[in-house]
N, C-alpha and C. Protein backbone atom coordinates (compact mmCIF):
# COMPACT_ATOMS: atom_id res chain seq x y z
N MET A 1 48.85 -139.46 -7.76
CA MET A 1 48.59 -138.10 -8.21
C MET A 1 49.93 -137.49 -8.61
N ASN A 2 49.95 -136.83 -9.75
CA ASN A 2 51.16 -136.14 -10.18
C ASN A 2 50.98 -134.63 -10.04
N LYS A 3 52.02 -133.88 -10.42
CA LYS A 3 52.00 -132.43 -10.24
C LYS A 3 50.86 -131.77 -11.02
N ALA A 4 50.62 -132.20 -12.24
CA ALA A 4 49.56 -131.62 -13.07
C ALA A 4 48.19 -131.84 -12.43
N GLU A 5 47.96 -133.01 -11.89
CA GLU A 5 46.69 -133.30 -11.22
C GLU A 5 46.54 -132.47 -9.95
N LEU A 6 47.62 -132.29 -9.22
CA LEU A 6 47.59 -131.47 -8.01
C LEU A 6 47.28 -130.01 -8.36
N ILE A 7 47.90 -129.50 -9.41
CA ILE A 7 47.64 -128.13 -9.86
C ILE A 7 46.17 -127.97 -10.26
N GLU A 8 45.64 -128.95 -10.96
CA GLU A 8 44.24 -128.90 -11.40
C GLU A 8 43.29 -128.83 -10.20
N ILE A 9 43.54 -129.65 -9.18
CA ILE A 9 42.70 -129.66 -7.99
C ILE A 9 42.83 -128.34 -7.23
N ALA A 10 44.06 -127.85 -7.08
CA ALA A 10 44.28 -126.59 -6.37
C ALA A 10 43.60 -125.43 -7.09
N ALA A 11 43.68 -125.41 -8.42
CA ALA A 11 43.05 -124.35 -9.20
C ALA A 11 41.54 -124.36 -9.01
N LYS A 12 40.96 -125.55 -9.01
CA LYS A 12 39.51 -125.68 -8.84
C LYS A 12 39.08 -125.27 -7.43
N GLU A 13 39.80 -125.76 -6.40
CA GLU A 13 39.44 -125.48 -5.01
C GLU A 13 39.62 -124.00 -4.65
N ALA A 14 40.66 -123.35 -5.18
CA ALA A 14 40.96 -121.96 -4.83
C ALA A 14 40.40 -120.98 -5.85
N ASP A 15 39.67 -121.47 -6.85
CA ASP A 15 39.08 -120.64 -7.88
C ASP A 15 40.15 -119.78 -8.57
N LEU A 16 41.23 -120.46 -9.01
CA LEU A 16 42.34 -119.83 -9.73
C LEU A 16 42.48 -120.45 -11.11
N SER A 17 43.25 -119.79 -11.95
CA SER A 17 43.58 -120.41 -13.23
C SER A 17 44.65 -121.48 -12.97
N LYS A 18 44.78 -122.42 -13.88
CA LYS A 18 45.79 -123.46 -13.72
C LYS A 18 47.19 -122.85 -13.74
N ALA A 19 47.38 -121.81 -14.54
CA ALA A 19 48.69 -121.15 -14.61
C ALA A 19 49.04 -120.52 -13.27
N SER A 20 48.08 -119.85 -12.64
CA SER A 20 48.32 -119.24 -11.32
C SER A 20 48.59 -120.30 -10.26
N ALA A 21 47.82 -121.35 -10.28
CA ALA A 21 48.01 -122.43 -9.32
C ALA A 21 49.37 -123.08 -9.52
N GLY A 22 49.79 -123.25 -10.76
CA GLY A 22 51.09 -123.84 -11.06
C GLY A 22 52.23 -122.97 -10.57
N LYS A 23 52.13 -121.66 -10.80
CA LYS A 23 53.16 -120.73 -10.33
C LYS A 23 53.22 -120.71 -8.81
N THR A 24 52.06 -120.77 -8.17
CA THR A 24 52.00 -120.78 -6.71
C THR A 24 52.65 -122.04 -6.15
N LEU A 25 52.31 -123.18 -6.72
CA LEU A 25 52.90 -124.44 -6.26
C LEU A 25 54.40 -124.44 -6.45
N ASP A 26 54.88 -123.97 -7.61
CA ASP A 26 56.31 -123.88 -7.87
C ASP A 26 57.01 -122.97 -6.86
N ALA A 27 56.38 -121.84 -6.53
CA ALA A 27 56.95 -120.90 -5.57
C ALA A 27 57.04 -121.51 -4.18
N ILE A 28 56.01 -122.24 -3.78
CA ILE A 28 56.00 -122.87 -2.46
C ILE A 28 57.08 -123.95 -2.37
N VAL A 29 57.16 -124.78 -3.39
CA VAL A 29 58.17 -125.84 -3.40
C VAL A 29 59.57 -125.23 -3.37
N ALA A 30 59.80 -124.18 -4.16
CA ALA A 30 61.11 -123.53 -4.20
C ALA A 30 61.46 -122.92 -2.84
N ALA A 31 60.48 -122.33 -2.17
CA ALA A 31 60.72 -121.74 -0.85
C ALA A 31 61.09 -122.81 0.17
N VAL A 32 60.40 -123.95 0.14
CA VAL A 32 60.70 -125.05 1.06
C VAL A 32 62.09 -125.60 0.79
N VAL A 33 62.42 -125.82 -0.48
CA VAL A 33 63.74 -126.36 -0.85
C VAL A 33 64.84 -125.41 -0.40
N THR A 34 64.68 -124.12 -0.65
CA THR A 34 65.68 -123.13 -0.27
C THR A 34 65.88 -123.08 1.24
N ALA A 35 64.79 -123.08 1.98
CA ALA A 35 64.88 -123.02 3.44
C ALA A 35 65.56 -124.26 4.02
N VAL A 36 65.18 -125.43 3.55
CA VAL A 36 65.75 -126.68 4.07
C VAL A 36 67.23 -126.78 3.67
N ALA A 37 67.57 -126.34 2.46
CA ALA A 37 68.96 -126.36 2.01
C ALA A 37 69.84 -125.47 2.89
N LYS A 38 69.27 -124.38 3.42
CA LYS A 38 70.02 -123.48 4.31
C LYS A 38 70.11 -124.03 5.73
N GLY A 39 69.38 -125.09 6.02
CA GLY A 39 69.40 -125.68 7.35
C GLY A 39 68.21 -125.30 8.21
N ASP A 40 67.29 -124.52 7.65
CA ASP A 40 66.09 -124.13 8.39
C ASP A 40 65.06 -125.27 8.39
N THR A 41 64.09 -125.16 9.27
CA THR A 41 62.99 -126.11 9.35
C THR A 41 61.73 -125.41 8.88
N VAL A 42 60.94 -126.11 8.05
CA VAL A 42 59.67 -125.57 7.57
C VAL A 42 58.56 -126.42 8.17
N THR A 43 57.71 -125.79 8.99
CA THR A 43 56.62 -126.50 9.66
C THR A 43 55.28 -126.00 9.15
N LEU A 44 54.47 -126.91 8.66
CA LEU A 44 53.11 -126.61 8.23
C LEU A 44 52.19 -127.35 9.20
N ILE A 45 51.61 -126.60 10.13
CA ILE A 45 50.81 -127.19 11.21
C ILE A 45 49.71 -128.07 10.61
N GLY A 46 49.61 -129.29 11.10
CA GLY A 46 48.61 -130.24 10.64
C GLY A 46 49.05 -131.06 9.45
N PHE A 47 50.08 -130.59 8.72
CA PHE A 47 50.57 -131.32 7.54
C PHE A 47 51.87 -132.02 7.84
N GLY A 48 52.89 -131.25 8.27
CA GLY A 48 54.16 -131.88 8.58
C GLY A 48 55.30 -130.89 8.64
N THR A 49 56.51 -131.45 8.84
CA THR A 49 57.71 -130.65 9.00
C THR A 49 58.78 -131.14 8.03
N PHE A 50 59.38 -130.19 7.32
CA PHE A 50 60.50 -130.47 6.43
C PHE A 50 61.76 -129.96 7.11
N LYS A 51 62.82 -130.77 7.16
CA LYS A 51 64.07 -130.33 7.75
C LYS A 51 65.22 -131.11 7.13
N SER A 52 66.43 -130.65 7.41
CA SER A 52 67.60 -131.37 6.92
C SER A 52 68.16 -132.20 8.07
N SER A 53 68.78 -133.31 7.71
CA SER A 53 69.32 -134.23 8.70
C SER A 53 70.69 -134.69 8.23
N LYS A 54 71.64 -134.75 9.15
CA LYS A 54 72.98 -135.20 8.80
C LYS A 54 73.04 -136.72 8.88
N ARG A 55 73.64 -137.32 7.86
CA ARG A 55 73.83 -138.76 7.83
C ARG A 55 75.33 -139.02 7.97
N ALA A 56 75.72 -139.80 8.95
CA ALA A 56 77.14 -140.06 9.22
C ALA A 56 77.76 -140.95 8.14
N ALA A 57 79.07 -140.87 8.04
CA ALA A 57 79.80 -141.75 7.11
C ALA A 57 79.65 -143.19 7.60
N ARG A 58 79.65 -144.11 6.66
CA ARG A 58 79.48 -145.52 7.04
C ARG A 58 80.13 -146.41 6.00
N THR A 59 80.23 -147.67 6.32
CA THR A 59 80.79 -148.64 5.40
C THR A 59 79.65 -149.44 4.80
N GLY A 60 79.64 -149.53 3.46
CA GLY A 60 78.62 -150.30 2.77
C GLY A 60 79.23 -151.49 2.06
N LYS A 61 78.43 -152.18 1.26
CA LYS A 61 78.91 -153.35 0.56
C LYS A 61 78.42 -153.30 -0.88
N ASN A 62 79.31 -153.49 -1.82
CA ASN A 62 78.94 -153.56 -3.23
C ASN A 62 78.18 -154.87 -3.43
N PRO A 63 76.92 -154.83 -3.84
CA PRO A 63 76.13 -156.06 -3.96
C PRO A 63 76.63 -156.99 -5.07
N ARG A 64 77.30 -156.45 -6.06
CA ARG A 64 77.79 -157.28 -7.16
C ARG A 64 79.05 -158.05 -6.78
N THR A 65 79.99 -157.38 -6.10
CA THR A 65 81.27 -158.01 -5.80
C THR A 65 81.42 -158.40 -4.33
N GLY A 66 80.60 -157.84 -3.46
CA GLY A 66 80.72 -158.10 -2.04
C GLY A 66 81.82 -157.28 -1.39
N GLU A 67 82.48 -156.44 -2.16
CA GLU A 67 83.58 -155.61 -1.67
C GLU A 67 83.05 -154.49 -0.78
N ALA A 68 83.78 -154.24 0.32
CA ALA A 68 83.40 -153.15 1.22
C ALA A 68 83.75 -151.81 0.58
N LEU A 69 82.88 -150.81 0.79
CA LEU A 69 83.18 -149.48 0.27
C LEU A 69 82.74 -148.44 1.27
N LYS A 70 83.40 -147.28 1.20
CA LYS A 70 83.10 -146.22 2.14
C LYS A 70 82.01 -145.32 1.55
N ILE A 71 81.02 -145.01 2.36
CA ILE A 71 79.95 -144.10 1.96
C ILE A 71 80.17 -142.82 2.76
N ALA A 72 80.32 -141.71 2.06
CA ALA A 72 80.64 -140.43 2.70
C ALA A 72 79.46 -139.89 3.50
N ALA A 73 79.78 -139.06 4.49
CA ALA A 73 78.75 -138.37 5.26
C ALA A 73 78.05 -137.36 4.34
N THR A 74 76.77 -137.14 4.58
CA THR A 74 76.01 -136.21 3.75
C THR A 74 74.85 -135.62 4.54
N THR A 75 74.23 -134.63 3.97
CA THR A 75 73.02 -134.04 4.55
C THR A 75 71.86 -134.37 3.64
N VAL A 76 70.77 -134.87 4.22
CA VAL A 76 69.62 -135.30 3.44
C VAL A 76 68.35 -134.60 3.94
N PRO A 77 67.36 -134.41 3.06
CA PRO A 77 66.10 -133.84 3.51
C PRO A 77 65.28 -134.89 4.26
N LYS A 78 64.46 -134.42 5.20
CA LYS A 78 63.63 -135.32 5.99
C LYS A 78 62.25 -134.70 6.16
N PHE A 79 61.21 -135.51 6.06
CA PHE A 79 59.84 -135.06 6.26
C PHE A 79 59.21 -135.87 7.37
N SER A 80 58.59 -135.18 8.33
CA SER A 80 57.85 -135.84 9.39
C SER A 80 56.39 -135.41 9.28
N ALA A 81 55.51 -136.36 9.11
CA ALA A 81 54.09 -136.06 8.96
C ALA A 81 53.52 -135.52 10.27
N GLY A 82 52.59 -134.56 10.16
CA GLY A 82 51.93 -133.98 11.32
C GLY A 82 50.78 -134.86 11.78
N ALA A 83 50.25 -134.54 12.95
CA ALA A 83 49.18 -135.33 13.55
C ALA A 83 47.93 -135.36 12.67
N GLY A 84 47.56 -134.22 12.10
CA GLY A 84 46.36 -134.18 11.26
C GLY A 84 46.51 -135.03 10.01
N PHE A 85 47.70 -135.00 9.40
CA PHE A 85 47.98 -135.79 8.20
C PHE A 85 47.96 -137.28 8.54
N LYS A 86 48.59 -137.65 9.65
CA LYS A 86 48.61 -139.06 10.06
C LYS A 86 47.19 -139.56 10.32
N ALA A 87 46.38 -138.73 10.99
CA ALA A 87 45.01 -139.13 11.32
C ALA A 87 44.18 -139.29 10.04
N ALA A 88 44.37 -138.39 9.08
CA ALA A 88 43.60 -138.47 7.83
C ALA A 88 43.96 -139.74 7.06
N VAL A 89 45.23 -140.09 7.02
CA VAL A 89 45.67 -141.30 6.31
C VAL A 89 45.15 -142.55 7.01
N ALA A 90 45.11 -142.51 8.34
CA ALA A 90 44.64 -143.66 9.11
C ALA A 90 43.12 -143.76 9.11
N GLY A 91 42.42 -142.73 8.59
CA GLY A 91 40.97 -142.75 8.54
C GLY A 91 40.32 -142.35 9.86
N LYS A 92 41.06 -141.64 10.71
CA LYS A 92 40.54 -141.21 12.00
C LYS A 92 40.33 -139.70 11.97
N LYS A 93 39.56 -139.22 12.94
CA LYS A 93 39.38 -137.77 13.09
C LYS A 93 40.57 -137.21 13.84
N ALA A 94 41.04 -136.03 13.41
CA ALA A 94 42.17 -135.38 14.09
C ALA A 94 41.69 -134.81 15.42
N LYS A 95 42.53 -134.95 16.45
CA LYS A 95 42.22 -134.37 17.76
C LYS A 95 42.55 -132.89 17.73
N LYS A 96 41.73 -132.10 18.41
CA LYS A 96 42.00 -130.65 18.45
C LYS A 96 42.59 -130.25 19.75
């Protein structure tokens, strides 16, 4: 499923125009990105949690030459699926 298909489904389910659904989706994604970039955690109960995670510096290997290289420390986004999402993907009923 791509963004256009998601917008189409959201518009149909929420009885909105595709333009409104698209603006809403863009606003939600922008809010999550902004919050996680600031170091906040965004939790959507039953769906999952978005947060930032620090990755330590490490030594890697160039696959072409085999030469060792340094990989700098960085901050990366992380998503942890919620119990309801995990249960739905596994085909089980979510516990309440």
